N, C-alpha and C. Protein backbone atom coordinates (compact mmCIF):
# COMPACT_ATOMS: atom_id res chain seq x y z
N UNK A 1 0.83 -1.19 0.00
CA UNK A 1 0.00 0.00 0.00
C UNK A 1 0.87 1.25 0.00
N UNK A 2 1.99 1.21 0.73
CA UNK A 2 2.89 2.35 0.77
C UNK A 2 3.45 2.63 -0.61
N UNK A 3 3.78 1.59 -1.37
CA UNK A 3 4.32 1.77 -2.71
C UNK A 3 3.30 2.47 -3.59
N UNK A 4 2.03 2.10 -3.52
CA UNK A 4 0.99 2.75 -4.31
C UNK A 4 0.89 4.22 -3.96
N UNK A 5 0.96 4.55 -2.70
CA UNK A 5 0.91 5.95 -2.28
C UNK A 5 2.09 6.71 -2.83
N UNK A 6 3.28 6.11 -2.81
CA UNK A 6 4.45 6.77 -3.35
C UNK A 6 4.32 6.97 -4.84
N UNK A 7 3.79 5.99 -5.55
CA UNK A 7 3.59 6.13 -6.99
C UNK A 7 2.63 7.27 -7.27
N UNK A 8 1.56 7.34 -6.50
CA UNK A 8 0.59 8.42 -6.67
C UNK A 8 1.28 9.75 -6.45
N UNK A 9 2.01 9.84 -5.37
CA UNK A 9 2.68 11.08 -5.03
C UNK A 9 3.72 11.42 -6.09
N UNK A 10 4.41 10.41 -6.59
CA UNK A 10 5.43 10.60 -7.60
C UNK A 10 4.83 11.10 -8.89
N UNK A 11 3.78 10.51 -9.26
CA UNK A 11 3.15 10.92 -10.50
C UNK A 11 2.67 12.34 -10.41
N UNK A 12 2.42 12.76 -9.20
CA UNK A 12 2.10 14.16 -9.02
C UNK A 12 3.20 14.89 -9.72
N UNK A 13 4.33 14.35 -9.55
CA UNK A 13 5.47 14.94 -10.24
C UNK A 13 5.13 14.83 -11.66
N UNK A 14 5.99 14.03 -11.38
CA UNK A 14 6.28 13.79 -12.55
C UNK A 14 5.29 14.11 -13.43
N UNK A 15 4.48 14.02 -13.31
CA UNK A 15 3.56 14.70 -14.13
C UNK A 15 2.30 14.05 -13.70
N UNK A 16 2.90 13.93 -12.98
CA UNK A 16 2.35 13.75 -12.69
C UNK A 16 1.15 13.69 -12.13
N UNK A 17 -0.48 14.34 -11.63
CA UNK A 17 -1.08 13.54 -10.62
C UNK A 17 -2.00 14.43 -9.86
N UNK A 18 -3.04 14.09 -9.26
CA UNK A 18 -3.89 15.23 -9.06
C UNK A 18 -5.20 15.04 -8.35
N UNK A 19 -5.49 15.62 -7.36
CA UNK A 19 -6.77 15.56 -6.70
C UNK A 19 -6.51 15.55 -5.22
N UNK A 20 -6.18 14.35 -4.71
CA UNK A 20 -5.89 14.25 -3.28
C UNK A 20 -4.64 13.42 -3.08
N UNK A 21 -3.82 13.89 -2.17
CA UNK A 21 -2.61 13.16 -1.80
C UNK A 21 -2.72 12.93 -0.31
N UNK A 22 -2.56 11.67 0.08
CA UNK A 22 -2.74 11.37 1.50
C UNK A 22 -1.41 11.18 2.23
N UNK A 23 -0.31 11.41 1.57
CA UNK A 23 0.98 11.18 2.21
C UNK A 23 1.28 12.24 3.26
N UNK A 24 1.05 13.50 2.93
CA UNK A 24 1.31 14.56 3.90
C UNK A 24 0.34 15.71 3.63
N UNK A 25 -0.24 16.23 4.68
CA UNK A 25 -1.27 17.25 4.50
C UNK A 25 -0.74 18.52 3.85
N UNK A 26 0.50 18.92 4.16
CA UNK A 26 1.03 20.12 3.53
C UNK A 26 1.25 19.90 2.04
N UNK A 27 1.65 18.70 1.63
CA UNK A 27 1.81 18.41 0.21
C UNK A 27 0.44 18.30 -0.47
N UNK A 28 -0.55 17.84 0.27
CA UNK A 28 -1.90 17.75 -0.29
C UNK A 28 -2.38 19.16 -0.64
N UNK A 29 -2.18 20.09 0.25
CA UNK A 29 -2.60 21.46 -0.01
C UNK A 29 -1.84 22.02 -1.21
N UNK A 30 -0.55 21.71 -1.31
CA UNK A 30 0.24 22.19 -2.45
C UNK A 30 -0.26 21.55 -3.74
N UNK A 31 -0.55 20.26 -3.73
CA UNK A 31 -1.04 19.59 -4.93
C UNK A 31 -2.36 20.20 -5.37
N UNK A 32 -3.22 20.50 -4.41
CA UNK A 32 -4.49 21.13 -4.76
C UNK A 32 -4.24 22.52 -5.33
N UNK A 33 -3.26 23.24 -4.79
CA UNK A 33 -2.97 24.56 -5.32
C UNK A 33 -2.35 24.47 -6.71
N UNK A 34 -1.71 23.36 -7.04
CA UNK A 34 -1.16 23.14 -8.38
C UNK A 34 -2.24 22.63 -9.33
N UNK A 35 -3.42 22.39 -8.80
CA UNK A 35 -4.52 21.84 -9.58
C UNK A 35 -4.09 20.55 -10.27
N UNK A 36 -3.53 19.66 -9.48
CA UNK A 36 -3.01 18.41 -9.98
C UNK A 36 -4.04 17.29 -9.84
N UNK A 37 -4.28 16.55 -10.92
CA UNK A 37 -5.20 15.41 -10.91
C UNK A 37 -4.36 14.16 -10.65
N UNK A 38 -4.08 13.89 -9.38
CA UNK A 38 -3.20 12.78 -9.02
C UNK A 38 -3.77 11.45 -9.49
N UNK A 39 -5.04 11.23 -9.27
CA UNK A 39 -5.63 9.97 -9.68
C UNK A 39 -5.53 9.76 -11.18
N UNK A 40 -5.74 10.80 -11.95
CA UNK A 40 -5.62 10.71 -13.40
C UNK A 40 -4.21 10.39 -13.83
N UNK A 41 -3.25 11.07 -13.22
CA UNK A 41 -1.84 10.81 -13.57
C UNK A 41 -1.46 9.38 -13.26
N UNK A 42 -1.86 8.92 -12.08
CA UNK A 42 -1.51 7.56 -11.69
C UNK A 42 -2.16 6.55 -12.62
N UNK A 43 -3.45 6.69 -12.83
CA UNK A 43 -4.16 5.68 -13.63
C UNK A 43 -3.75 5.70 -15.09
N UNK A 44 -3.39 6.86 -15.61
CA UNK A 44 -3.09 6.96 -17.04
C UNK A 44 -1.60 6.94 -17.37
N UNK A 45 -0.75 7.35 -16.43
CA UNK A 45 0.66 7.55 -16.77
C UNK A 45 1.66 6.69 -15.99
N UNK A 46 1.23 6.04 -14.93
CA UNK A 46 2.15 5.30 -14.06
C UNK A 46 3.05 4.34 -14.84
N UNK A 47 2.49 3.62 -15.78
CA UNK A 47 3.30 2.61 -16.49
C UNK A 47 4.40 3.22 -17.36
N UNK A 48 4.29 4.50 -17.68
CA UNK A 48 5.29 5.15 -18.52
C UNK A 48 6.46 5.74 -17.73
N UNK A 49 6.34 5.82 -16.41
CA UNK A 49 7.40 6.41 -15.59
C UNK A 49 8.00 5.43 -14.58
N UNK A 50 7.62 4.16 -14.69
CA UNK A 50 8.21 3.14 -13.80
C UNK A 50 9.70 3.07 -14.01
N UNK A 51 10.41 2.70 -12.95
CA UNK A 51 11.86 2.53 -13.06
C UNK A 51 12.22 1.39 -14.00
N UNK A 52 11.42 0.33 -13.99
CA UNK A 52 11.73 -0.82 -14.85
C UNK A 52 11.16 -0.61 -16.25
N UNK A 53 11.82 -1.23 -17.22
CA UNK A 53 11.34 -1.18 -18.59
C UNK A 53 11.89 0.00 -19.37
N UNK A 54 11.71 -0.08 -20.69
CA UNK A 54 12.22 0.99 -21.56
C UNK A 54 11.29 2.20 -21.58
N UNK A 55 11.82 3.31 -22.08
CA UNK A 55 10.97 4.47 -22.31
C UNK A 55 9.98 4.09 -23.41
N UNK A 56 8.73 4.51 -23.25
CA UNK A 56 7.75 4.27 -24.29
C UNK A 56 6.85 5.49 -24.42
N UNK A 57 6.39 5.70 -25.63
CA UNK A 57 5.54 6.85 -25.92
C UNK A 57 4.25 6.74 -25.10
N UNK A 58 3.89 7.81 -24.39
CA UNK A 58 2.68 7.76 -23.58
C UNK A 58 1.42 7.77 -24.43
N UNK A 59 0.36 7.24 -23.86
CA UNK A 59 -0.94 7.20 -24.54
C UNK A 59 -1.54 8.61 -24.60
N UNK A 60 -2.53 8.77 -25.46
CA UNK A 60 -3.20 10.07 -25.53
C UNK A 60 -3.95 10.36 -24.23
N UNK A 61 -4.41 9.29 -23.55
CA UNK A 61 -5.08 9.48 -22.26
C UNK A 61 -4.12 10.05 -21.22
N UNK A 62 -2.90 9.53 -21.20
CA UNK A 62 -1.88 10.05 -20.30
C UNK A 62 -1.58 11.50 -20.66
N UNK A 63 -1.39 11.77 -21.93
CA UNK A 63 -1.07 13.13 -22.36
C UNK A 63 -2.18 14.12 -22.03
N UNK A 64 -3.42 13.68 -22.10
CA UNK A 64 -4.53 14.57 -21.77
C UNK A 64 -4.42 15.06 -20.33
N UNK A 65 -3.95 14.19 -19.44
CA UNK A 65 -3.77 14.57 -18.04
C UNK A 65 -2.52 15.43 -17.88
N UNK A 66 -1.44 15.03 -18.52
CA UNK A 66 -0.16 15.73 -18.41
C UNK A 66 -0.26 17.16 -18.93
N UNK A 67 -1.00 17.36 -19.98
CA UNK A 67 -1.09 18.68 -20.62
C UNK A 67 -1.62 19.77 -19.70
N UNK A 68 -2.35 19.41 -18.67
CA UNK A 68 -2.91 20.43 -17.78
C UNK A 68 -2.09 20.61 -16.50
N UNK A 69 -0.97 19.91 -16.38
CA UNK A 69 -0.12 19.99 -15.19
C UNK A 69 0.75 21.25 -15.23
N UNK A 70 0.83 21.93 -14.12
CA UNK A 70 1.73 23.07 -13.94
C UNK A 70 3.06 22.49 -13.47
N UNK A 71 3.97 22.27 -14.42
CA UNK A 71 5.22 21.56 -14.13
C UNK A 71 6.03 22.23 -13.01
N UNK A 72 6.30 23.53 -13.06
CA UNK A 72 7.09 24.13 -11.97
C UNK A 72 6.43 23.95 -10.60
N UNK A 73 5.12 24.08 -10.55
CA UNK A 73 4.40 23.91 -9.28
C UNK A 73 4.52 22.47 -8.78
N UNK A 74 4.29 21.51 -9.69
CA UNK A 74 4.33 20.11 -9.31
C UNK A 74 5.75 19.70 -8.92
N UNK A 75 6.75 20.25 -9.58
CA UNK A 75 8.14 19.90 -9.26
C UNK A 75 8.49 20.24 -7.82
N UNK A 76 7.82 21.21 -7.25
CA UNK A 76 8.06 21.56 -5.85
C UNK A 76 7.57 20.47 -4.90
N UNK A 77 6.72 19.58 -5.39
CA UNK A 77 6.16 18.51 -4.56
C UNK A 77 7.01 17.24 -4.55
N UNK A 78 8.00 17.18 -5.42
CA UNK A 78 8.78 15.95 -5.56
C UNK A 78 9.73 15.78 -4.39
N UNK A 79 9.58 14.63 -3.73
CA UNK A 79 10.43 14.29 -2.59
C UNK A 79 11.39 13.18 -2.98
N UNK A 80 12.31 12.87 -2.08
CA UNK A 80 13.25 11.76 -2.29
C UNK A 80 12.48 10.46 -2.47
N UNK A 81 11.41 10.27 -1.70
CA UNK A 81 10.60 9.05 -1.81
C UNK A 81 9.98 8.92 -3.20
N UNK A 82 9.54 10.02 -3.73
CA UNK A 82 8.98 10.01 -5.08
C UNK A 82 10.07 9.66 -6.09
N UNK A 83 11.22 10.31 -5.95
CA UNK A 83 12.34 10.04 -6.86
C UNK A 83 12.79 8.58 -6.77
N UNK A 84 12.65 7.97 -5.61
CA UNK A 84 13.02 6.57 -5.45
C UNK A 84 12.02 5.63 -6.14
N UNK A 85 10.81 6.10 -6.32
CA UNK A 85 9.75 5.25 -6.86
C UNK A 85 9.57 5.34 -8.37
N UNK A 86 10.00 6.44 -8.98
CA UNK A 86 9.83 6.59 -10.43
C UNK A 86 11.13 7.01 -11.09
N UNK A 87 11.17 6.90 -12.39
CA UNK A 87 12.34 7.28 -13.19
C UNK A 87 12.14 8.72 -13.66
N UNK A 88 12.90 9.64 -13.09
CA UNK A 88 12.72 11.05 -13.42
C UNK A 88 13.03 11.35 -14.88
N UNK A 89 13.97 10.63 -15.49
CA UNK A 89 14.23 10.81 -16.92
C UNK A 89 12.98 10.46 -17.74
N UNK A 90 12.27 9.41 -17.32
CA UNK A 90 11.04 9.03 -18.01
C UNK A 90 9.94 10.06 -17.78
N UNK A 91 9.90 10.65 -16.62
CA UNK A 91 8.92 11.69 -16.34
C UNK A 91 9.10 12.85 -17.33
N UNK A 92 10.34 13.27 -17.50
CA UNK A 92 10.64 14.36 -18.43
C UNK A 92 10.30 13.93 -19.86
N UNK A 93 10.65 12.70 -20.21
CA UNK A 93 10.34 12.17 -21.53
C UNK A 93 8.83 12.18 -21.79
N UNK A 94 8.06 11.73 -20.82
CA UNK A 94 6.60 11.71 -20.97
C UNK A 94 6.07 13.13 -21.12
N UNK A 95 6.52 14.02 -20.25
CA UNK A 95 6.06 15.41 -20.32
C UNK A 95 6.35 16.01 -21.69
N UNK A 96 7.57 15.86 -22.16
CA UNK A 96 7.94 16.42 -23.47
C UNK A 96 7.20 15.73 -24.60
N UNK A 97 7.01 14.41 -24.50
CA UNK A 97 6.26 13.68 -25.52
C UNK A 97 4.82 14.17 -25.62
N UNK A 98 4.31 14.66 -24.51
CA UNK A 98 2.94 15.17 -24.47
C UNK A 98 2.86 16.66 -24.79
N UNK A 99 3.98 17.25 -25.16
CA UNK A 99 3.98 18.64 -25.57
C UNK A 99 4.25 19.66 -24.49
N UNK A 100 4.59 19.19 -23.28
CA UNK A 100 4.93 20.13 -22.21
C UNK A 100 6.37 20.59 -22.39
N UNK A 101 6.60 21.87 -22.19
CA UNK A 101 7.95 22.39 -22.24
C UNK A 101 8.59 22.20 -20.87
N UNK A 102 9.68 21.46 -20.84
CA UNK A 102 10.43 21.25 -19.61
C UNK A 102 11.86 21.66 -19.94
N UNK A 103 12.21 22.85 -19.49
CA UNK A 103 13.51 23.43 -19.84
C UNK A 103 14.66 22.71 -19.14
N UNK A 104 15.78 22.56 -19.87
CA UNK A 104 16.98 22.04 -19.21
C UNK A 104 17.31 22.93 -18.01
N UNK A 105 17.72 22.29 -16.93
CA UNK A 105 18.04 23.02 -15.71
C UNK A 105 16.88 23.11 -14.74
N UNK A 106 15.67 22.74 -15.19
CA UNK A 106 14.51 22.73 -14.30
C UNK A 106 14.76 21.76 -13.16
N UNK A 107 14.45 22.18 -11.93
CA UNK A 107 14.62 21.32 -10.75
C UNK A 107 13.29 20.71 -10.37
N UNK A 108 13.28 19.39 -10.21
CA UNK A 108 12.14 18.66 -9.68
C UNK A 108 12.66 17.86 -8.50
N UNK A 109 12.37 18.32 -7.30
CA UNK A 109 12.99 17.71 -6.13
C UNK A 109 14.49 17.94 -6.22
N UNK A 110 15.27 16.88 -6.09
CA UNK A 110 16.72 17.02 -6.21
C UNK A 110 17.20 16.75 -7.63
N UNK A 111 16.26 16.36 -8.51
CA UNK A 111 16.59 16.05 -9.91
C UNK A 111 16.66 17.34 -10.72
N UNK A 112 17.70 17.44 -11.54
CA UNK A 112 17.83 18.56 -12.47
C UNK A 112 17.68 18.03 -13.89
N UNK A 113 16.75 18.62 -14.64
CA UNK A 113 16.50 18.19 -16.01
C UNK A 113 17.76 18.48 -16.84
N UNK A 114 18.30 17.43 -17.49
CA UNK A 114 19.50 17.64 -18.30
C UNK A 114 19.17 18.36 -19.60
N UNK A 115 20.21 18.81 -20.29
CA UNK A 115 20.03 19.43 -21.61
C UNK A 115 19.52 18.40 -22.60
N UNK A 116 18.90 18.88 -23.66
CA UNK A 116 18.33 17.97 -24.67
C UNK A 116 19.37 17.39 -25.58
């Protein structure tokens, strides 16, 4: 159950993710202020940001959720636990594949987006 919560919280990142986060109340308030649909991100995008497996093009359903994410706001929610649960390179790949601009040097938690 803890792993599922971390994935939900991670997808908040990563692009993750949106609605309610039960991991920490202060992060829940931040996620709501970012207007993040955590449940949508998790259900539609989780398989594209897993640590295991190759990068793969996200579905249009995943992209529909990702396109409304405020990346800088959501990046402030990324914790070490989230980074441990998902592949941040894949998060950036998914975001960019869905048309989100994620500039090199952007910080998400302790992760810094590399140059293209």
